[in-house]
Amino acid sequence: MESVRTTVEKRSVSQAVIEAVAEAEGVDTEDLTPPLYDVVNPDALDQLFSATSTAGRTAGKVVFAYRTHEITVSADGLVRVETGQE
């Protein structure tokens, strides 16, 4: 298994996931099918890790499968793509 790690920084969590998967596969983000929204609600994913009115998120993670990968998004802004076997 290979792993790609990235941080959210100044983009949405869902965009960071899309870019990390594309990097792991060596393709353009537009070439990913099915689209991420067929697997997980991108707006909900972004909301889970958005800052609250008083503080940023400090705990928690979401793990889901997308294409042949296991995606882990952590509250610290880390997005990890574990590449499985096709």
C-alpha atoms as a PDB file:
ATOM      1  CA  MET A   1       0.000   0.000   0.000  1.00  0.00           C
ATOM      2  CA  GLU A   2       1.173   3.471  -0.837  1.00  0.00           C
ATOM      3  CA  SER A   3       0.142   6.597   0.993  1.00  0.00           C
ATOM      4  CA  VAL A   4      -0.282  10.232  -0.035  1.00  0.00           C
ATOM      5  CA  ARG A   5      -0.577  12.867   2.670  1.00  0.00           C
ATOM      6  CA  THR A   6      -1.585  16.486   2.304  1.00  0.00           C
ATOM      7  CA  THR A   7      -2.949  19.207   4.512  1.00  0.00           C
ATOM      8  CA  VAL A   8      -6.074  21.231   3.961  1.00  0.00           C
ATOM      9  CA  GLU A   9      -4.456  24.665   4.450  1.00  0.00           C
ATOM     10  CA  LYS A  10      -6.434  27.296   2.472  1.00  0.00           C
ATOM     11  CA  ARG A  11      -8.751  24.995   0.550  1.00  0.00           C
ATOM     12  CA  SER A  12     -11.806  22.991   1.452  1.00  0.00           C
ATOM     13  CA  VAL A  13     -11.460  19.497   2.860  1.00  0.00           C
ATOM     14  CA  SER A  14     -13.306  18.035  -0.117  1.00  0.00           C
ATOM     15  CA  GLN A  15     -10.962  19.792  -2.567  1.00  0.00           C
ATOM     16  CA  ALA A  16      -7.937  18.521  -0.616  1.00  0.00           C
ATOM     17  CA  VAL A  17      -9.323  14.968  -0.877  1.00  0.00           C
ATOM     18  CA  ILE A  18      -9.859  15.283  -4.633  1.00  0.00           C
ATOM     19  CA  GLU A  19      -6.353  16.669  -5.163  1.00  0.00           C
ATOM     20  CA  ALA A  20      -4.737  13.994  -2.966  1.00  0.00           C
ATOM     21  CA  VAL A  21      -6.496  11.162  -4.805  1.00  0.00           C
ATOM     22  CA  ALA A  22      -5.522  12.634  -8.174  1.00  0.00           C
ATOM     23  CA  GLU A  23      -1.912  12.900  -6.979  1.00  0.00           C
ATOM     24  CA  ALA A  24      -1.948   9.294  -5.756  1.00  0.00           C
ATOM     25  CA  GLU A  25      -3.182   8.137  -9.157  1.00  0.00           C
ATOM     26  CA  GLY A  26      -1.086  10.513 -11.240  1.00  0.00           C
ATOM     27  CA  VAL A  27      -4.127  11.965 -13.030  1.00  0.00           C
ATOM     28  CA  ASP A  28      -5.879  15.338 -13.316  1.00  0.00           C
ATOM     29  CA  THR A  29      -8.637  16.027 -10.809  1.00  0.00           C
ATOM     30  CA  GLU A  30     -11.142  16.227 -13.682  1.00  0.00           C
ATOM     31  CA  ASP A  31     -10.356  12.615 -14.618  1.00  0.00           C
ATOM     32  CA  LEU A  32     -11.627  11.131 -11.348  1.00  0.00           C
ATOM     33  CA  THR A  33     -14.804   9.100 -11.762  1.00  0.00           C
ATOM     34  CA  PRO A  34     -17.112   8.669 -10.073  1.00  0.00           C
ATOM     35  CA  PRO A  35     -17.135  12.208  -8.704  1.00  0.00           C
ATOM     36  CA  LEU A  36     -16.504  12.505  -4.975  1.00  0.00           C
ATOM     37  CA  TYR A  37     -20.129  13.576  -4.385  1.00  0.00           C
ATOM     38  CA  ASP A  38     -21.276  10.109  -5.505  1.00  0.00           C
ATOM     39  CA  VAL A  39     -19.448   8.652  -2.485  1.00  0.00           C
ATOM     40  CA  VAL A  40     -19.652  11.294   0.242  1.00  0.00           C
ATOM     41  CA  ASN A  41     -21.428  14.621   0.617  1.00  0.00           C
ATOM     42  CA  PRO A  42     -18.625  17.190   0.065  1.00  0.00           C
ATOM     43  CA  ASP A  43     -20.540  19.983   1.832  1.00  0.00           C
ATOM     44  CA  ALA A  44     -21.061  17.801   4.909  1.00  0.00           C
ATOM     45  CA  LEU A  45     -17.394  16.761   4.858  1.00  0.00           C
ATOM     46  CA  ASP A  46     -16.323  20.416   4.705  1.00  0.00           C
ATOM     47  CA  GLN A  47     -18.702  21.345   7.538  1.00  0.00           C
ATOM     48  CA  LEU A  48     -17.419  18.580   9.808  1.00  0.00           C
ATOM     49  CA  PHE A  49     -13.983  20.146   9.844  1.00  0.00           C
ATOM     50  CA  SER A  50     -14.815  23.833   9.594  1.00  0.00           C
ATOM     51  CA  ALA A  51     -14.043  26.113  12.509  1.00  0.00           C
ATOM     52  CA  THR A  52     -16.831  26.922  14.917  1.00  0.00           C
ATOM     53  CA  SER A  53     -17.645  30.482  15.915  1.00  0.00           C
ATOM     54  CA  THR A  54     -15.307  30.194  18.904  1.00  0.00           C
ATOM     55  CA  ALA A  55     -12.552  27.773  17.858  1.00  0.00           C
ATOM     56  CA  GLY A  56     -11.184  25.405  15.247  1.00  0.00           C
ATOM     57  CA  ARG A  57     -11.917  21.705  15.309  1.00  0.00           C
ATOM     58  CA  THR A  58      -9.373  19.863  17.454  1.00  0.00           C
ATOM     59  CA  ALA A  59     -10.506  16.254  17.459  1.00  0.00           C
ATOM     60  CA  GLY A  60     -12.084  13.641  15.254  1.00  0.00           C
ATOM     61  CA  LYS A  61     -11.601  11.972  11.914  1.00  0.00           C
ATOM     62  CA  VAL A  62     -13.606  10.535   9.047  1.00  0.00           C
ATOM     63  CA  VAL A  63     -12.608   7.437   7.109  1.00  0.00           C
ATOM     64  CA  PHE A  64     -14.276   6.400   3.860  1.00  0.00           C
ATOM     65  CA  ALA A  65     -13.567   4.473   0.675  1.00  0.00           C
ATOM     66  CA  TYR A  66     -13.212   6.251  -2.656  1.00  0.00           C
ATOM     67  CA  ARG A  67     -12.202   4.436  -5.820  1.00  0.00           C
ATOM     68  CA  THR A  68      -9.528   1.952  -4.677  1.00  0.00           C
ATOM     69  CA  HIS A  69      -8.435   4.060  -1.714  1.00  0.00           C
ATOM     70  CA  GLU A  70      -9.105   4.466   1.967  1.00  0.00           C
ATOM     71  CA  ILE A  71      -9.359   8.186   2.723  1.00  0.00           C
ATOM     72  CA  THR A  72      -8.743   9.498   6.236  1.00  0.00           C
ATOM     73  CA  VAL A  73      -9.480  13.125   7.061  1.00  0.00           C
ATOM     74  CA  SER A  74      -8.348  14.296  10.505  1.00  0.00           C
ATOM     75  CA  ALA A  75      -9.403  17.378  12.437  1.00  0.00           C
ATOM     76  CA  ASP A  76      -5.809  18.645  12.333  1.00  0.00           C
ATOM     77  CA  GLY A  77      -6.202  19.161   8.563  1.00  0.00           C
ATOM     78  CA  LEU A  78      -4.362  16.023   7.449  1.00  0.00           C
ATOM     79  CA  VAL A  79      -5.783  14.110   4.488  1.00  0.00           C
ATOM     80  CA  ARG A  80      -4.321  10.642   3.971  1.00  0.00           C
ATOM     81  CA  VAL A  81      -4.953   8.475   0.924  1.00  0.00           C
ATOM     82  CA  GLU A  82      -4.049   4.823   1.396  1.00  0.00           C
ATOM     83  CA  THR A  83      -3.824   3.182  -2.002  1.00  0.00           C
ATOM     84  CA  GLY A  84      -5.156  -0.355  -2.125  1.00  0.00           C
ATOM     85  CA  GLN A  85      -4.907  -3.028  -4.750  1.00  0.00           C
ATOM     86  CA  GLU A  86      -7.192  -2.820  -7.786  1.00  0.00           C
END
